[in-house]
N, C-alpha and C. Protein backbone atom coordinates (compact mmCIF):
# COMPACT_ATOMS: atom_id res chain seq x y z
N MET A 1 3.10 -35.28 22.48
CA MET A 1 3.71 -35.44 23.79
C MET A 1 2.70 -35.10 24.86
N ASN A 2 2.89 -35.70 26.01
CA ASN A 2 1.94 -35.45 27.09
C ASN A 2 2.67 -34.96 28.34
N LEU A 3 1.89 -34.56 29.31
CA LEU A 3 2.45 -34.03 30.55
C LEU A 3 3.39 -35.03 31.22
N GLY A 4 3.00 -36.29 31.22
CA GLY A 4 3.84 -37.31 31.85
C GLY A 4 5.22 -37.41 31.23
N GLN A 5 5.30 -37.32 29.91
CA GLN A 5 6.60 -37.38 29.23
C GLN A 5 7.46 -36.18 29.62
N VAL A 6 6.87 -34.99 29.59
CA VAL A 6 7.62 -33.78 29.92
C VAL A 6 8.04 -33.82 31.38
N TYR A 7 7.13 -34.22 32.24
CA TYR A 7 7.40 -34.34 33.68
C TYR A 7 8.59 -35.27 33.93
N GLN A 8 8.55 -36.45 33.36
CA GLN A 8 9.63 -37.43 33.56
C GLN A 8 10.95 -36.94 32.99
N TYR A 9 10.90 -36.27 31.85
CA TYR A 9 12.13 -35.78 31.24
C TYR A 9 12.80 -34.73 32.13
N CYS A 10 11.99 -33.82 32.66
CA CYS A 10 12.55 -32.78 33.55
C CYS A 10 13.08 -33.39 34.84
N LEU A 11 12.31 -34.29 35.42
CA LEU A 11 12.65 -34.85 36.72
C LEU A 11 13.90 -35.72 36.69
N GLN A 12 14.25 -36.28 35.54
CA GLN A 12 15.43 -37.16 35.47
C GLN A 12 16.75 -36.39 35.44
N LYS A 13 16.69 -35.07 35.33
CA LYS A 13 17.91 -34.26 35.36
C LYS A 13 18.53 -34.33 36.77
N PRO A 14 19.86 -34.39 36.86
CA PRO A 14 20.51 -34.49 38.18
C PRO A 14 20.10 -33.35 39.13
N GLN A 15 19.86 -33.73 40.37
CA GLN A 15 19.54 -32.80 41.46
C GLN A 15 18.29 -31.96 41.20
N THR A 16 17.37 -32.47 40.39
CA THR A 16 16.14 -31.74 40.10
C THR A 16 15.09 -32.05 41.15
N GLU A 17 14.37 -31.00 41.53
CA GLU A 17 13.26 -31.15 42.45
C GLU A 17 12.03 -30.48 41.84
N GLU A 18 10.86 -30.99 42.18
CA GLU A 18 9.61 -30.37 41.74
C GLU A 18 9.03 -29.59 42.91
N THR A 19 8.56 -28.38 42.62
CA THR A 19 8.02 -27.51 43.67
C THR A 19 6.79 -26.77 43.15
N PHE A 20 6.07 -26.16 44.07
CA PHE A 20 4.94 -25.30 43.75
C PHE A 20 5.11 -23.99 44.53
N PRO A 21 6.11 -23.18 44.16
CA PRO A 21 6.40 -21.98 44.95
C PRO A 21 5.41 -20.83 44.76
N PHE A 22 4.67 -20.83 43.66
CA PHE A 22 3.78 -19.70 43.36
C PHE A 22 2.33 -19.99 43.72
N ASP A 23 1.86 -21.16 43.33
CA ASP A 23 0.48 -21.55 43.58
C ASP A 23 0.38 -23.06 43.37
N GLN A 24 -0.82 -23.62 43.53
CA GLN A 24 -0.99 -25.07 43.39
C GLN A 24 -1.12 -25.51 41.94
N ASP A 25 -1.11 -24.56 41.02
CA ASP A 25 -1.27 -24.86 39.60
C ASP A 25 0.06 -24.89 38.84
N THR A 26 1.03 -24.12 39.28
CA THR A 26 2.27 -23.97 38.52
C THR A 26 3.36 -24.87 39.09
N LEU A 27 3.61 -25.96 38.36
CA LEU A 27 4.68 -26.90 38.72
C LEU A 27 6.00 -26.31 38.25
N VAL A 28 6.96 -26.20 39.18
CA VAL A 28 8.26 -25.62 38.87
C VAL A 28 9.34 -26.67 39.13
N PHE A 29 10.19 -26.86 38.14
CA PHE A 29 11.35 -27.74 38.30
C PHE A 29 12.56 -26.87 38.58
N LYS A 30 13.32 -27.27 39.61
CA LYS A 30 14.50 -26.52 40.03
C LYS A 30 15.70 -27.45 40.11
N VAL A 31 16.88 -26.88 39.88
CA VAL A 31 18.13 -27.57 40.13
C VAL A 31 18.88 -26.72 41.15
N CYS A 32 19.25 -27.34 42.25
CA CYS A 32 19.93 -26.63 43.35
C CYS A 32 19.19 -25.35 43.73
N GLY A 33 17.87 -25.42 43.76
CA GLY A 33 17.05 -24.29 44.19
C GLY A 33 16.78 -23.23 43.14
N LYS A 34 17.26 -23.43 41.91
CA LYS A 34 17.08 -22.44 40.83
C LYS A 34 16.14 -23.01 39.76
N MET A 35 15.17 -22.20 39.34
CA MET A 35 14.17 -22.65 38.37
C MET A 35 14.76 -22.85 36.98
N PHE A 36 14.32 -23.94 36.33
CA PHE A 36 14.65 -24.12 34.92
C PHE A 36 13.44 -24.46 34.06
N ALA A 37 12.30 -24.80 34.67
CA ALA A 37 11.09 -25.10 33.89
C ALA A 37 9.85 -24.84 34.73
N LEU A 38 8.83 -24.27 34.09
CA LEU A 38 7.55 -24.01 34.75
C LEU A 38 6.44 -24.57 33.87
N LEU A 39 5.51 -25.31 34.48
CA LEU A 39 4.39 -25.90 33.75
C LEU A 39 3.09 -25.53 34.43
N PRO A 40 2.17 -24.85 33.73
CA PRO A 40 0.86 -24.55 34.30
C PRO A 40 -0.07 -25.76 34.15
N LEU A 41 -0.32 -26.46 35.23
CA LEU A 41 -1.04 -27.73 35.17
C LEU A 41 -2.48 -27.59 34.68
N GLU A 42 -3.17 -26.52 35.07
CA GLU A 42 -4.55 -26.34 34.61
C GLU A 42 -4.61 -26.23 33.09
N LYS A 43 -3.64 -25.58 32.49
CA LYS A 43 -3.60 -25.46 31.03
C LYS A 43 -3.41 -26.84 30.39
N TRP A 44 -2.53 -27.65 30.99
CA TRP A 44 -2.31 -29.01 30.46
C TRP A 44 -3.61 -29.80 30.53
N GLU A 45 -4.31 -29.70 31.66
CA GLU A 45 -5.57 -30.43 31.83
C GLU A 45 -6.63 -29.97 30.84
N ALA A 46 -6.55 -28.71 30.40
CA ALA A 46 -7.50 -28.16 29.44
C ALA A 46 -7.07 -28.44 27.99
N GLY A 47 -5.97 -29.19 27.81
CA GLY A 47 -5.50 -29.49 26.47
C GLY A 47 -4.66 -28.40 25.84
N GLU A 48 -4.20 -27.46 26.66
CA GLU A 48 -3.40 -26.32 26.18
C GLU A 48 -2.03 -26.33 26.85
N GLY A 49 -1.34 -27.45 26.75
CA GLY A 49 -0.05 -27.60 27.43
C GLY A 49 0.98 -26.59 26.99
N SER A 50 1.74 -26.11 27.96
CA SER A 50 2.85 -25.20 27.68
C SER A 50 3.92 -25.40 28.75
N ILE A 51 5.09 -24.90 28.44
CA ILE A 51 6.20 -24.96 29.38
C ILE A 51 7.05 -23.71 29.18
N SER A 52 7.48 -23.10 30.27
CA SER A 52 8.37 -21.94 30.20
C SER A 52 9.77 -22.40 30.57
N LEU A 53 10.73 -22.00 29.73
CA LEU A 53 12.12 -22.44 29.89
C LEU A 53 13.07 -21.27 29.73
N LYS A 54 14.16 -21.33 30.46
CA LYS A 54 15.22 -20.35 30.34
C LYS A 54 15.92 -20.58 29.00
N CYS A 55 16.39 -19.49 28.38
CA CYS A 55 17.01 -19.61 27.06
C CYS A 55 18.04 -18.50 26.87
N ASP A 56 19.07 -18.80 26.12
CA ASP A 56 20.03 -17.77 25.73
C ASP A 56 19.26 -16.65 25.01
N PRO A 57 19.50 -15.38 25.37
CA PRO A 57 18.70 -14.29 24.81
C PRO A 57 18.67 -14.24 23.28
N LYS A 58 19.80 -14.42 22.65
CA LYS A 58 19.83 -14.37 21.18
C LYS A 58 19.05 -15.54 20.58
N TYR A 59 19.25 -16.72 21.12
CA TYR A 59 18.54 -17.90 20.64
C TYR A 59 17.04 -17.80 20.92
N ALA A 60 16.69 -17.18 22.05
CA ALA A 60 15.28 -16.99 22.39
C ALA A 60 14.57 -16.20 21.30
N LEU A 61 15.20 -15.14 20.83
CA LEU A 61 14.62 -14.33 19.76
C LEU A 61 14.52 -15.11 18.45
N GLU A 62 15.55 -15.89 18.14
CA GLU A 62 15.53 -16.70 16.92
C GLU A 62 14.37 -17.69 16.96
N LEU A 63 14.19 -18.33 18.10
CA LEU A 63 13.10 -19.30 18.24
C LEU A 63 11.73 -18.63 18.06
N ARG A 64 11.57 -17.44 18.64
CA ARG A 64 10.29 -16.73 18.53
C ARG A 64 10.00 -16.33 17.09
N GLU A 65 11.05 -16.01 16.34
CA GLU A 65 10.87 -15.66 14.93
C GLU A 65 10.52 -16.88 14.09
N GLU A 66 11.09 -18.02 14.43
CA GLU A 66 10.91 -19.23 13.64
C GLU A 66 9.61 -19.98 13.95
N TYR A 67 9.17 -19.93 15.20
CA TYR A 67 8.00 -20.72 15.62
C TYR A 67 6.91 -19.82 16.19
N ASP A 68 5.70 -19.99 15.66
CA ASP A 68 4.55 -19.25 16.20
C ASP A 68 4.21 -19.71 17.62
N SER A 69 4.62 -20.93 17.96
CA SER A 69 4.29 -21.52 19.27
C SER A 69 5.26 -21.13 20.38
N ILE A 70 6.24 -20.30 20.08
CA ILE A 70 7.20 -19.88 21.10
C ILE A 70 7.11 -18.37 21.27
N LYS A 71 6.84 -17.96 22.50
CA LYS A 71 6.65 -16.54 22.84
C LYS A 71 7.50 -16.20 24.07
N GLY A 72 7.66 -14.91 24.32
CA GLY A 72 8.29 -14.48 25.56
C GLY A 72 7.43 -14.95 26.73
N ALA A 73 8.06 -15.43 27.78
CA ALA A 73 7.33 -16.06 28.89
C ALA A 73 6.53 -15.03 29.69
N TYR A 74 5.28 -15.39 29.94
CA TYR A 74 4.37 -14.58 30.73
C TYR A 74 4.87 -14.48 32.16
N HIS A 75 4.90 -13.29 32.72
CA HIS A 75 5.33 -13.02 34.09
C HIS A 75 6.80 -13.37 34.35
N MET A 76 7.61 -13.50 33.30
CA MET A 76 9.03 -13.80 33.46
C MET A 76 9.81 -12.76 32.66
N ASN A 77 11.13 -12.73 32.88
CA ASN A 77 11.98 -11.85 32.10
C ASN A 77 12.02 -12.39 30.67
N LYS A 78 11.37 -11.69 29.76
CA LYS A 78 11.23 -12.18 28.39
C LYS A 78 12.55 -12.20 27.62
N THR A 79 13.57 -11.57 28.15
CA THR A 79 14.89 -11.65 27.52
C THR A 79 15.47 -13.04 27.71
N HIS A 80 15.18 -13.65 28.84
CA HIS A 80 15.81 -14.93 29.20
C HIS A 80 14.86 -16.12 29.25
N TRP A 81 13.55 -15.88 29.10
CA TRP A 81 12.59 -16.98 29.25
C TRP A 81 11.61 -17.00 28.08
N ASN A 82 11.36 -18.20 27.57
CA ASN A 82 10.36 -18.43 26.53
C ASN A 82 9.28 -19.35 27.07
N THR A 83 8.06 -19.17 26.57
CA THR A 83 7.01 -20.15 26.79
C THR A 83 6.78 -20.87 25.47
N ILE A 84 6.78 -22.19 25.54
CA ILE A 84 6.55 -23.03 24.38
C ILE A 84 5.14 -23.58 24.51
N TYR A 85 4.27 -23.21 23.56
CA TYR A 85 2.88 -23.67 23.54
C TYR A 85 2.82 -24.94 22.70
N LEU A 86 2.42 -26.03 23.32
CA LEU A 86 2.54 -27.34 22.69
C LEU A 86 1.26 -27.84 22.02
N SER A 87 0.14 -27.18 22.22
CA SER A 87 -1.14 -27.68 21.71
C SER A 87 -1.24 -27.63 20.19
N LYS A 88 -0.44 -26.79 19.53
CA LYS A 88 -0.50 -26.69 18.07
C LYS A 88 0.36 -27.76 17.38
N ASN A 89 1.09 -28.54 18.17
CA ASN A 89 1.94 -29.61 17.64
C ASN A 89 3.00 -29.10 16.65
N GLU A 90 3.41 -27.86 16.80
CA GLU A 90 4.46 -27.30 15.94
C GLU A 90 5.85 -27.72 16.42
N ILE A 91 5.98 -27.94 17.73
CA ILE A 91 7.27 -28.25 18.35
C ILE A 91 7.40 -29.76 18.50
N THR A 92 8.48 -30.32 17.99
CA THR A 92 8.69 -31.76 18.12
C THR A 92 9.16 -32.09 19.53
N TYR A 93 8.97 -33.33 19.92
CA TYR A 93 9.44 -33.78 21.23
C TYR A 93 10.96 -33.63 21.33
N ALA A 94 11.67 -33.93 20.24
CA ALA A 94 13.13 -33.81 20.23
C ALA A 94 13.56 -32.36 20.47
N LEU A 95 12.90 -31.41 19.82
CA LEU A 95 13.23 -30.00 20.03
C LEU A 95 12.91 -29.59 21.46
N LEU A 96 11.76 -30.02 21.95
CA LEU A 96 11.40 -29.68 23.33
C LEU A 96 12.44 -30.21 24.31
N CYS A 97 12.87 -31.44 24.13
CA CYS A 97 13.90 -32.01 25.01
C CYS A 97 15.19 -31.21 24.93
N ASP A 98 15.56 -30.79 23.73
CA ASP A 98 16.75 -29.97 23.56
C ASP A 98 16.61 -28.64 24.29
N LEU A 99 15.44 -28.02 24.21
CA LEU A 99 15.21 -26.75 24.90
C LEU A 99 15.22 -26.92 26.42
N ILE A 100 14.69 -28.04 26.91
CA ILE A 100 14.76 -28.34 28.34
C ILE A 100 16.21 -28.53 28.76
N ASP A 101 16.97 -29.27 27.96
CA ASP A 101 18.40 -29.48 28.25
C ASP A 101 19.14 -28.15 28.32
N GLN A 102 18.85 -27.27 27.36
CA GLN A 102 19.53 -25.97 27.34
C GLN A 102 19.15 -25.13 28.56
N SER A 103 17.88 -25.15 28.94
CA SER A 103 17.44 -24.40 30.11
C SER A 103 18.16 -24.90 31.36
N TYR A 104 18.18 -26.20 31.53
CA TYR A 104 18.86 -26.81 32.67
C TYR A 104 20.34 -26.42 32.67
N SER A 105 21.00 -26.53 31.53
CA SER A 105 22.43 -26.21 31.43
C SER A 105 22.72 -24.75 31.73
N LEU A 106 21.85 -23.86 31.25
CA LEU A 106 22.03 -22.43 31.55
C LEU A 106 21.97 -22.17 33.05
N VAL A 107 21.02 -22.80 33.71
CA VAL A 107 20.88 -22.61 35.16
C VAL A 107 22.10 -23.20 35.87
N VAL A 108 22.52 -24.38 35.47
CA VAL A 108 23.68 -25.02 36.09
C VAL A 108 24.93 -24.17 35.90
N SER A 109 25.07 -23.54 34.75
CA SER A 109 26.26 -22.72 34.47
C SER A 109 26.36 -21.51 35.40
N LYS A 110 25.24 -21.11 36.00
CA LYS A 110 25.23 -19.97 36.92
C LYS A 110 25.38 -20.38 38.38
N LEU A 111 25.42 -21.68 38.64
CA LEU A 111 25.61 -22.15 40.01
C LEU A 111 27.05 -21.95 40.44
N THR A 112 27.28 -22.02 41.75
CA THR A 112 28.65 -21.92 42.25
C THR A 112 29.45 -23.13 41.78
N LYS A 113 30.76 -22.99 41.79
CA LYS A 113 31.64 -24.11 41.39
C LYS A 113 31.40 -25.32 42.29
N LYS A 114 31.18 -25.06 43.57
CA LYS A 114 30.93 -26.16 44.50
C LYS A 114 29.65 -26.91 44.12
N GLN A 115 28.58 -26.16 43.84
CA GLN A 115 27.33 -26.80 43.44
C GLN A 115 27.49 -27.58 42.14
N GLN A 116 28.22 -27.00 41.19
CA GLN A 116 28.45 -27.67 39.91
C GLN A 116 29.24 -28.96 40.12
N SER A 117 30.24 -28.93 40.99
CA SER A 117 31.04 -30.14 41.21
C SER A 117 30.20 -31.23 41.88
N GLN A 118 29.27 -30.85 42.74
CA GLN A 118 28.39 -31.83 43.35
C GLN A 118 27.48 -32.49 42.31
N LEU A 119 27.06 -31.73 41.33
CA LEU A 119 26.27 -32.29 40.23
C LEU A 119 27.09 -33.29 39.43
N ASN A 120 28.34 -32.96 39.17
CA ASN A 120 29.22 -33.85 38.41
C ASN A 120 29.47 -35.15 39.16
N ILE A 121 29.62 -35.07 40.49
CA ILE A 121 29.82 -36.28 41.29
C ILE A 121 28.61 -37.19 41.14
N ASN A 122 27.43 -36.59 41.19
CA ASN A 122 26.21 -37.39 41.09
C ASN A 122 25.97 -37.93 39.68
N ASN A 123 26.62 -37.36 38.68
CA ASN A 123 26.49 -37.85 37.30
C ASN A 123 27.37 -39.05 37.03
N ASN A 124 28.42 -39.22 37.82
CA ASN A 124 29.40 -40.30 37.55
C ASN A 124 28.97 -41.60 38.17
């Protein structure tokens, strides 16, 4: 998988915006102003692609035990965020898409009812 595939997959989620709130290197995808994915672009350019995603705490631990390529996210709350290192090709594109979907859904579940209903309107 490449940066373009991951980029397009994240961006096609309803009400998603791309931002650079921290620096010019860290691409952050947000839904209704809340982060669900972070990509360090310099790492991708160096062939060391990774993505940090929000995750259910129990599942986050299970993933870290099962995959050497999944670690607690650097500079994030490691209880709720994982970094998936993609350069070892251990993680399939299907699994990555599922983890992105879960991250997005977790963030959406914490939005206000009004924000959630606006997302549903845009999905129909």
